[in-house]
Amino acid sequence: VSFTGIRTYRPDSVKGRFTISRDMAKSTVTLEMN
């Protein structure tokens, strides 16, 4: 994920299953894996 949180990238192997997100208030980055 870009530092703005606007742009993300995932390879095809995890598309539809992994989601990356930023919490700017907490300065953390989360990876949800389903």
PDB file of all heavy atoms in Angstrom:
ATOM      1  N   VAL A   1       0.851  -1.182   0.000  1.00  0.00           N
ATOM      2  CA  VAL A   1       0.000   0.000   0.000  1.00  0.00           C
ATOM      3  C   VAL A   1       0.892   1.240   0.000  1.00  0.00           C
ATOM      4  O   VAL A   1       1.942   1.272   0.640  1.00  0.00           O
ATOM      5  CB  VAL A   1      -0.948  -0.001   1.225  1.00  0.00           C
ATOM      6  CG1 VAL A   1      -0.175  -0.014   2.537  1.00  0.00           C
ATOM      7  CG2 VAL A   1      -1.915   1.181   1.189  1.00  0.00           C
ATOM      8  N   SER A   2       0.465   2.247  -0.764  1.00  0.00           N
ATOM      9  CA  SER A   2       1.228   3.485  -0.823  1.00  0.00           C
ATOM     10  C   SER A   2       1.105   4.244   0.488  1.00  0.00           C
ATOM     11  O   SER A   2       0.211   3.968   1.303  1.00  0.00           O
ATOM     12  CB  SER A   2       0.726   4.346  -1.979  1.00  0.00           C
ATOM     13  OG  SER A   2      -0.620   4.741  -1.740  1.00  0.00           O
ATOM     14  N   PHE A   3       1.969   5.224   0.697  1.00  0.00           N
ATOM     15  CA  PHE A   3       1.956   5.944   1.967  1.00  0.00           C
ATOM     16  C   PHE A   3       0.665   6.744   2.150  1.00  0.00           C
ATOM     17  O   PHE A   3       0.252   7.010   3.266  1.00  0.00           O
ATOM     18  CB  PHE A   3       3.183   6.854   2.107  1.00  0.00           C
ATOM     19  CG  PHE A   3       3.158   8.089   1.234  1.00  0.00           C
ATOM     20  CD1 PHE A   3       2.695   9.291   1.740  1.00  0.00           C
ATOM     21  CD2 PHE A   3       3.609   8.055  -0.074  1.00  0.00           C
ATOM     22  CE1 PHE A   3       2.680  10.436   0.956  1.00  0.00           C
ATOM     23  CE2 PHE A   3       3.597   9.179  -0.868  1.00  0.00           C
ATOM     24  CZ  PHE A   3       3.126  10.384  -0.355  1.00  0.00           C
ATOM     25  N   THR A   4      -0.003   7.076   1.041  1.00  0.00           N
ATOM     26  CA  THR A   4      -1.280   7.787   1.143  1.00  0.00           C
ATOM     27  C   THR A   4      -2.428   6.842   1.469  1.00  0.00           C
ATOM     28  O   THR A   4      -3.496   7.277   1.878  1.00  0.00           O
ATOM     29  CB  THR A   4      -1.621   8.482  -0.184  1.00  0.00           C
ATOM     30  OG1 THR A   4      -1.749   7.473  -1.202  1.00  0.00           O
ATOM     31  CG2 THR A   4      -0.547   9.487  -0.560  1.00  0.00           C
ATOM     32  N   GLY A   5      -2.195   5.542   1.230  1.00  0.00           N
ATOM     33  CA  GLY A   5      -3.269   4.574   1.414  1.00  0.00           C
ATOM     34  C   GLY A   5      -4.172   4.443   0.208  1.00  0.00           C
ATOM     35  O   GLY A   5      -5.088   3.614   0.184  1.00  0.00           O
ATOM     36  N   ILE A   6      -3.933   5.249  -0.806  1.00  0.00           N
ATOM     37  CA  ILE A   6      -4.811   5.269  -1.978  1.00  0.00           C
ATOM     38  C   ILE A   6      -4.514   4.118  -2.933  1.00  0.00           C
ATOM     39  O   ILE A   6      -5.413   3.488  -3.488  1.00  0.00           O
ATOM     40  CB  ILE A   6      -4.685   6.618  -2.715  1.00  0.00           C
ATOM     41  CG1 ILE A   6      -5.219   7.741  -1.828  1.00  0.00           C
ATOM     42  CG2 ILE A   6      -5.429   6.581  -4.046  1.00  0.00           C
ATOM     43  CD1 ILE A   6      -5.025   9.130  -2.388  1.00  0.00           C
ATOM     44  N   ARG A   7      -3.231   3.869  -3.139  1.00  0.00           N
ATOM     45  CA  ARG A   7      -2.860   2.824  -4.114  1.00  0.00           C
ATOM     46  C   ARG A   7      -2.454   1.540  -3.390  1.00  0.00           C
ATOM     47  O   ARG A   7      -1.694   1.571  -2.438  1.00  0.00           O
ATOM     48  CB  ARG A   7      -1.712   3.314  -4.979  1.00  0.00           C
ATOM     49  CG  ARG A   7      -2.060   4.539  -5.786  1.00  0.00           C
ATOM     50  CD  ARG A   7      -1.018   4.840  -6.856  1.00  0.00           C
ATOM     51  NE  ARG A   7      -1.322   6.087  -7.546  1.00  0.00           N
ATOM     52  CZ  ARG A   7      -2.174   6.183  -8.541  1.00  0.00           C
ATOM     53  NH1 ARG A   7      -2.807   5.103  -8.968  1.00  0.00           N
ATOM     54  NH2 ARG A   7      -2.378   7.346  -9.129  1.00  0.00           N
ATOM     55  N   THR A   8      -2.986   0.434  -3.882  1.00  0.00           N
ATOM     56  CA  THR A   8      -2.602  -0.874  -3.359  1.00  0.00           C
ATOM     57  C   THR A   8      -2.275  -1.806  -4.507  1.00  0.00           C
ATOM     58  O   THR A   8      -2.665  -1.570  -5.650  1.00  0.00           O
ATOM     59  CB  THR A   8      -3.724  -1.508  -2.509  1.00  0.00           C
ATOM     60  OG1 THR A   8      -4.884  -1.702  -3.346  1.00  0.00           O
ATOM     61  CG2 THR A   8      -4.099  -0.628  -1.338  1.00  0.00           C
ATOM     62  N   TYR A   9      -1.554  -2.849  -4.194  1.00  0.00           N
ATOM     63  CA  TYR A   9      -1.228  -3.860  -5.199  1.00  0.00           C
ATOM     64  C   TYR A   9      -1.188  -5.221  -4.533  1.00  0.00           C
ATOM     65  O   TYR A   9      -0.683  -5.363  -3.415  1.00  0.00           O
ATOM     66  CB  TYR A   9       0.123  -3.585  -5.858  1.00  0.00           C
ATOM     67  CG  TYR A   9       0.571  -4.742  -6.726  1.00  0.00           C
ATOM     68  CD1 TYR A   9      -0.027  -4.977  -7.964  1.00  0.00           C
ATOM     69  CD2 TYR A   9       1.551  -5.620  -6.284  1.00  0.00           C
ATOM     70  CE1 TYR A   9       0.355  -6.061  -8.737  1.00  0.00           C
ATOM     71  CE2 TYR A   9       1.938  -6.711  -7.058  1.00  0.00           C
ATOM     72  CZ  TYR A   9       1.337  -6.918  -8.280  1.00  0.00           C
ATOM     73  OH  TYR A   9       1.710  -7.987  -9.046  1.00  0.00           O
ATOM     74  N   ARG A  10      -1.758  -6.210  -5.225  1.00  0.00           N
ATOM     75  CA  ARG A  10      -1.674  -7.596  -4.795  1.00  0.00           C
ATOM     76  C   ARG A  10      -1.450  -8.466  -6.026  1.00  0.00           C
ATOM     77  O   ARG A  10      -2.056  -8.228  -7.066  1.00  0.00           O
ATOM     78  CB  ARG A  10      -2.982  -8.048  -4.137  1.00  0.00           C
ATOM     79  CG  ARG A  10      -3.247  -7.464  -2.791  1.00  0.00           C
ATOM     80  CD  ARG A  10      -4.727  -7.461  -2.503  1.00  0.00           C
ATOM     81  NE  ARG A  10      -5.425  -6.556  -3.399  1.00  0.00           N
ATOM     82  CZ  ARG A  10      -6.726  -6.362  -3.387  1.00  0.00           C
ATOM     83  NH1 ARG A  10      -7.470  -7.011  -2.528  1.00  0.00           N
ATOM     84  NH2 ARG A  10      -7.294  -5.517  -4.224  1.00  0.00           N
ATOM     85  N   PRO A  11      -0.634  -9.469  -5.918  1.00  0.00           N
ATOM     86  CA  PRO A  11      -0.458 -10.386  -7.052  1.00  0.00           C
ATOM     87  C   PRO A  11      -1.706 -11.242  -7.238  1.00  0.00           C
ATOM     88  O   PRO A  11      -2.537 -11.356  -6.328  1.00  0.00           O
ATOM     89  CB  PRO A  11       0.749 -11.232  -6.633  1.00  0.00           C
ATOM     90  CG  PRO A  11       0.746 -11.174  -5.144  1.00  0.00           C
ATOM     91  CD  PRO A  11       0.218  -9.830  -4.777  1.00  0.00           C
ATOM     92  N   ASP A  12      -1.828 -11.856  -8.393  1.00  0.00           N
ATOM     93  CA  ASP A  12      -3.014 -12.653  -8.715  1.00  0.00           C
ATOM     94  C   ASP A  12      -3.232 -13.791  -7.715  1.00  0.00           C
ATOM     95  O   ASP A  12      -4.373 -14.194  -7.467  1.00  0.00           O
ATOM     96  CB  ASP A  12      -2.891 -13.224 -10.125  1.00  0.00           C
ATOM     97  CG  ASP A  12      -3.040 -12.161 -11.193  1.00  0.00           C
ATOM     98  OD1 ASP A  12      -3.549 -11.064 -10.875  1.00  0.00           O
ATOM     99  OD2 ASP A  12      -2.638 -12.411 -12.340  1.00  0.00           O
ATOM    100  N   SER A  13      -2.144 -14.290  -7.143  1.00  0.00           N
ATOM    101  CA  SER A  13      -2.248 -15.446  -6.247  1.00  0.00           C
ATOM    102  C   SER A  13      -3.079 -15.160  -4.993  1.00  0.00           C
ATOM    103  O   SER A  13      -3.592 -16.083  -4.352  1.00  0.00           O
ATOM    104  CB  SER A  13      -0.850 -15.926  -5.838  1.00  0.00           C
ATOM    105  OG  SER A  13      -0.137 -14.885  -5.203  1.00  0.00           O
ATOM    106  N   VAL A  14      -3.216 -13.870  -4.627  1.00  0.00           N
ATOM    107  CA  VAL A  14      -3.965 -13.542  -3.408  1.00  0.00           C
ATOM    108  C   VAL A  14      -5.144 -12.607  -3.667  1.00  0.00           C
ATOM    109  O   VAL A  14      -5.872 -12.267  -2.727  1.00  0.00           O
ATOM    110  CB  VAL A  14      -3.039 -12.918  -2.338  1.00  0.00           C
ATOM    111  CG1 VAL A  14      -1.871 -13.838  -2.033  1.00  0.00           C
ATOM    112  CG2 VAL A  14      -2.559 -11.544  -2.775  1.00  0.00           C
ATOM    113  N   LYS A  15      -5.342 -12.200  -4.914  1.00  0.00           N
ATOM    114  CA  LYS A  15      -6.458 -11.292  -5.220  1.00  0.00           C
ATOM    115  C   LYS A  15      -7.782 -11.932  -4.832  1.00  0.00           C
ATOM    116  O   LYS A  15      -8.000 -13.119  -5.073  1.00  0.00           O
ATOM    117  CB  LYS A  15      -6.460 -10.934  -6.709  1.00  0.00           C
ATOM    118  CG  LYS A  15      -5.585  -9.753  -7.038  1.00  0.00           C
ATOM    119  CD  LYS A  15      -5.668  -9.386  -8.510  1.00  0.00           C
ATOM    120  CE  LYS A  15      -4.741  -8.226  -8.810  1.00  0.00           C
ATOM    121  NZ  LYS A  15      -4.692  -7.912 -10.249  1.00  0.00           N
ATOM    122  N   GLY A  16      -8.633 -11.117  -4.230  1.00  0.00           N
ATOM    123  CA  GLY A  16      -9.925 -11.621  -3.785  1.00  0.00           C
ATOM    124  C   GLY A  16      -9.866 -12.282  -2.413  1.00  0.00           C
ATOM    125  O   GLY A  16     -10.905 -12.622  -1.847  1.00  0.00           O
ATOM    126  N   ARG A  17      -8.663 -12.489  -1.893  1.00  0.00           N
ATOM    127  CA  ARG A  17      -8.508 -13.144  -0.584  1.00  0.00           C
ATOM    128  C   ARG A  17      -7.789 -12.267   0.432  1.00  0.00           C
ATOM    129  O   ARG A  17      -8.119 -12.292   1.614  1.00  0.00           O
ATOM    130  CB  ARG A  17      -7.748 -14.461  -0.752  1.00  0.00           C
ATOM    131  CG  ARG A  17      -8.405 -15.443  -1.707  1.00  0.00           C
ATOM    132  CD  ARG A  17      -7.739 -16.815  -1.666  1.00  0.00           C
ATOM    133  NE  ARG A  17      -6.333 -16.761  -2.063  1.00  0.00           N
ATOM    134  CZ  ARG A  17      -5.336 -17.132  -1.268  1.00  0.00           C
ATOM    135  NH1 ARG A  17      -5.572 -17.565  -0.041  1.00  0.00           N
ATOM    136  NH2 ARG A  17      -4.083 -17.070  -1.710  1.00  0.00           N
ATOM    137  N   PHE A  18      -6.791 -11.492   0.008  1.00  0.00           N
ATOM    138  CA  PHE A  18      -6.004 -10.645   0.904  1.00  0.00           C
ATOM    139  C   PHE A  18      -6.385  -9.185   0.686  1.00  0.00           C
ATOM    140  O   PHE A  18      -6.542  -8.742  -0.459  1.00  0.00           O
ATOM    141  CB  PHE A  18      -4.512 -10.804   0.638  1.00  0.00           C
ATOM    142  CG  PHE A  18      -3.904 -12.118   1.062  1.00  0.00           C
ATOM    143  CD1 PHE A  18      -4.699 -13.219   1.375  1.00  0.00           C
ATOM    144  CD2 PHE A  18      -2.535 -12.257   1.156  1.00  0.00           C
ATOM    145  CE1 PHE A  18      -4.141 -14.430   1.759  1.00  0.00           C
ATOM    146  CE2 PHE A  18      -1.948 -13.455   1.543  1.00  0.00           C
ATOM    147  CZ  PHE A  18      -2.759 -14.537   1.837  1.00  0.00           C
ATOM    148  N   THR A  19      -6.475  -8.446   1.790  1.00  0.00           N
ATOM    149  CA  THR A  19      -6.754  -7.014   1.720  1.00  0.00           C
ATOM    150  C   THR A  19      -5.806  -6.280   2.651  1.00  0.00           C
ATOM    151  O   THR A  19      -5.708  -6.625   3.832  1.00  0.00           O
ATOM    152  CB  THR A  19      -8.200  -6.715   2.131  1.00  0.00           C
ATOM    153  OG1 THR A  19      -9.100  -7.434   1.277  1.00  0.00           O
ATOM    154  CG2 THR A  19      -8.482  -5.221   2.004  1.00  0.00           C
ATOM    155  N   ILE A  20      -5.130  -5.269   2.118  1.00  0.00           N
ATOM    156  CA  ILE A  20      -4.232  -4.450   2.932  1.00  0.00           C
ATOM    157  C   ILE A  20      -4.890  -3.105   3.179  1.00  0.00           C
ATOM    158  O   ILE A  20      -5.553  -2.556   2.299  1.00  0.00           O
ATOM    159  CB  ILE A  20      -2.852  -4.292   2.238  1.00  0.00           C
ATOM    160  CG1 ILE A  20      -1.856  -3.634   3.178  1.00  0.00           C
ATOM    161  CG2 ILE A  20      -2.981  -3.501   0.935  1.00  0.00           C
ATOM    162  CD1 ILE A  20      -0.423  -3.671   2.650  1.00  0.00           C
ATOM    163  N   SER A  21      -4.721  -2.584   4.390  1.00  0.00           N
ATOM    164  CA  SER A  21      -5.317  -1.291   4.707  1.00  0.00           C
ATOM    165  C   SER A  21      -4.455  -0.574   5.734  1.00  0.00           C
ATOM    166  O   SER A  21      -3.707  -1.205   6.488  1.00  0.00           O
ATOM    167  CB  SER A  21      -6.747  -1.463   5.239  1.00  0.00           C
ATOM    168  OG  SER A  21      -6.749  -2.247   6.414  1.00  0.00           O
ATOM    169  N   ARG A  22      -4.597   0.743   5.762  1.00  0.00           N
ATOM    170  CA  ARG A  22      -3.847   1.557   6.712  1.00  0.00           C
ATOM    171  C   ARG A  22      -4.817   2.199   7.699  1.00  0.00           C
ATOM    172  O   ARG A  22      -5.932   2.580   7.336  1.00  0.00           O
ATOM    173  CB  ARG A  22      -3.110   2.691   6.007  1.00  0.00           C
ATOM    174  CG  ARG A  22      -2.270   2.333   4.846  1.00  0.00           C
ATOM    175  CD  ARG A  22      -1.409   3.500   4.407  1.00  0.00           C
ATOM    176  NE  ARG A  22      -0.347   3.717   5.374  1.00  0.00           N
ATOM    177  CZ  ARG A  22       0.939   3.708   5.088  1.00  0.00           C
ATOM    178  NH1 ARG A  22       1.326   3.470   3.841  1.00  0.00           N
ATOM    179  NH2 ARG A  22       1.838   3.920   6.008  1.00  0.00           N
ATOM    180  N   ASP A  23      -4.346   2.325   8.927  1.00  0.00           N
ATOM    181  CA  ASP A  23      -5.054   3.120   9.929  1.00  0.00           C
ATOM    182  C   ASP A  23      -4.131   4.289  10.251  1.00  0.00           C
ATOM    183  O   ASP A  23      -3.166   4.145  11.006  1.00  0.00           O
ATOM    184  CB  ASP A  23      -5.352   2.287  11.184  1.00  0.00           C
ATOM    185  CG  ASP A  23      -6.193   3.046  12.183  1.00  0.00           C
ATOM    186  OD1 ASP A  23      -6.068   4.295  12.269  1.00  0.00           O
ATOM    187  OD2 ASP A  23      -6.986   2.399  12.902  1.00  0.00           O
ATOM    188  N   MET A  24      -4.427   5.428   9.648  1.00  0.00           N
ATOM    189  CA  MET A  24      -3.535   6.582   9.803  1.00  0.00           C
ATOM    190  C   MET A  24      -3.513   7.084  11.239  1.00  0.00           C
ATOM    191  O   MET A  24      -2.500   7.559  11.733  1.00  0.00           O
ATOM    192  CB  MET A  24      -3.973   7.705   8.856  1.00  0.00           C
ATOM    193  CG  MET A  24      -3.800   7.381   7.382  1.00  0.00           C
ATOM    194  SD  MET A  24      -2.079   7.035   6.949  1.00  0.00           S
ATOM    195  CE  MET A  24      -2.098   7.320   5.190  1.00  0.00           C
ATOM    196  N   ALA A  25      -4.616   6.981  11.931  1.00  0.00           N
ATOM    197  CA  ALA A  25      -4.676   7.469  13.305  1.00  0.00           C
ATOM    198  C   ALA A  25      -3.777   6.633  14.226  1.00  0.00           C
ATOM    199  O   ALA A  25      -3.151   7.162  15.147  1.00  0.00           O
ATOM    200  CB  ALA A  25      -6.118   7.435  13.797  1.00  0.00           C
ATOM    201  N   LYS A  26      -3.702   5.333  13.958  1.00  0.00           N
ATOM    202  CA  LYS A  26      -2.893   4.449  14.791  1.00  0.00           C
ATOM    203  C   LYS A  26      -1.512   4.175  14.187  1.00  0.00           C
ATOM    204  O   LYS A  26      -0.691   3.526  14.838  1.00  0.00           O
ATOM    205  CB  LYS A  26      -3.617   3.117  14.999  1.00  0.00           C
ATOM    206  CG  LYS A  26      -4.926   3.225  15.759  1.00  0.00           C
ATOM    207  CD  LYS A  26      -5.574   1.860  15.931  1.00  0.00           C
ATOM    208  CE  LYS A  26      -6.886   1.956  16.687  1.00  0.00           C
ATOM    209  NZ  LYS A  26      -7.542   0.633  16.842  1.00  0.00           N
ATOM    210  N   SER A  27      -1.286   4.657  12.973  1.00  0.00           N
ATOM    211  CA  SER A  27      -0.024   4.396  12.251  1.00  0.00           C
ATOM    212  C   SER A  27       0.265   2.904  12.152  1.00  0.00           C
ATOM    213  O   SER A  27       1.375   2.442  12.453  1.00  0.00           O
ATOM    214  CB  SER A  27       1.148   5.104  12.951  1.00  0.00           C
ATOM    215  OG  SER A  27       0.997   6.497  12.870  1.00  0.00           O
ATOM    216  N   THR A  28      -0.744   2.165  11.777  1.00  0.00           N
ATOM    217  CA  THR A  28      -0.588   0.720  11.599  1.00  0.00           C
ATOM    218  C   THR A  28      -1.070   0.320  10.209  1.00  0.00           C
ATOM    219  O   THR A  28      -1.830   1.046   9.567  1.00  0.00           O
ATOM    220  CB  THR A  28      -1.380  -0.075  12.649  1.00  0.00           C
ATOM    221  OG1 THR A  28      -2.767   0.287  12.553  1.00  0.00           O
ATOM    222  CG2 THR A  28      -0.882   0.214  14.054  1.00  0.00           C
ATOM    223  N   VAL A  29      -0.624  -0.844   9.779  1.00  0.00           N
ATOM    224  CA  VAL A  29      -1.060  -1.414   8.512  1.00  0.00           C
ATOM    225  C   VAL A  29      -1.512  -2.845   8.780  1.00  0.00           C
ATOM    226  O   VAL A  29      -0.801  -3.607   9.434  1.00  0.00           O
ATOM    227  CB  VAL A  29       0.060  -1.393   7.461  1.00  0.00           C
ATOM    228  CG1 VAL A  29      -0.383  -2.106   6.192  1.00  0.00           C
ATOM    229  CG2 VAL A  29       0.467   0.049   7.152  1.00  0.00           C
ATOM    230  N   THR A  30      -2.679  -3.171   8.277  1.00  0.00           N
ATOM    231  CA  THR A  30      -3.285  -4.477   8.533  1.00  0.00           C
ATOM    232  C   THR A  30      -3.401  -5.278   7.242  1.00  0.00           C
ATOM    233  O   THR A  30      -3.696  -4.717   6.186  1.00  0.00           O
ATOM    234  CB  THR A  30      -4.689  -4.301   9.154  1.00  0.00           C
ATOM    235  OG1 THR A  30      -4.553  -3.634  10.400  1.00  0.00           O
ATOM    236  CG2 THR A  30      -5.353  -5.649   9.375  1.00  0.00           C
ATOM    237  N   LEU A  31      -3.151  -6.569   7.352  1.00  0.00           N
ATOM    238  CA  LEU A  31      -3.360  -7.482   6.234  1.00  0.00           C
ATOM    239  C   LEU A  31      -4.428  -8.482   6.645  1.00  0.00           C
ATOM    240  O   LEU A  31      -4.220  -9.287   7.552  1.00  0.00           O
ATOM    241  CB  LEU A  31      -2.070  -8.216   5.871  1.00  0.00           C
ATOM    242  CG  LEU A  31      -2.180  -9.183   4.683  1.00  0.00           C
ATOM    243  CD1 LEU A  31      -2.446  -8.405   3.394  1.00  0.00           C
ATOM    244  CD2 LEU A  31      -0.914 -10.024   4.548  1.00  0.00           C
ATOM    245  N   GLU A  32      -5.581  -8.392   6.005  1.00  0.00           N
ATOM    246  CA  GLU A  32      -6.660  -9.345   6.221  1.00  0.00           C
ATOM    247  C   GLU A  32      -6.506 -10.475   5.214  1.00  0.00           C
ATOM    248  O   GLU A  32      -6.463 -10.227   4.003  1.00  0.00           O
ATOM    249  CB  GLU A  32      -8.015  -8.671   6.016  1.00  0.00           C
ATOM    250  CG  GLU A  32      -8.338  -7.571   6.993  1.00  0.00           C
ATOM    251  CD  GLU A  32      -9.033  -8.083   8.240  1.00  0.00           C
ATOM    252  OE1 GLU A  32      -9.222  -9.310   8.354  1.00  0.00           O
ATOM    253  OE2 GLU A  32      -9.356  -7.262   9.107  1.00  0.00           O
ATOM    254  N   MET A  33      -6.440 -11.705   5.726  1.00  0.00           N
ATOM    255  CA  MET A  33      -6.258 -12.862   4.846  1.00  0.00           C
ATOM    256  C   MET A  33      -7.434 -13.810   5.036  1.00  0.00           C
ATOM    257  O   MET A  33      -7.671 -14.293   6.145  1.00  0.00           O
ATOM    258  CB  MET A  33      -4.938 -13.566   5.177  1.00  0.00           C
ATOM    259  CG  MET A  33      -3.729 -12.652   5.099  1.00  0.00           C
ATOM    260  SD  MET A  33      -2.178 -13.534   5.324  1.00  0.00           S
ATOM    261  CE  MET A  33      -2.331 -14.085   7.019  1.00  0.00           C
ATOM    262  N   ASN A  34      -8.161 -14.034   3.959  1.00  0.00           N
ATOM    263  CA  ASN A  34      -9.326 -14.912   3.998  1.00  0.00           C
ATOM    264  C   ASN A  34      -9.132 -16.093   3.045  1.00  0.00           C
ATOM    265  O   ASN A  34      -8.289 -16.040   2.138  1.00  0.00           O
ATOM    266  CB  ASN A  34     -10.586 -14.133   3.599  1.00  0.00           C
ATOM    267  CG  ASN A  34     -10.876 -12.994   4.548  1.00  0.00           C
ATOM    268  OD1 ASN A  34     -10.896 -13.181   5.765  1.00  0.00           O
ATOM    269  ND2 ASN A  34     -11.110 -11.815   3.999  1.00  0.00           N
TER     270      ASN A  34
END
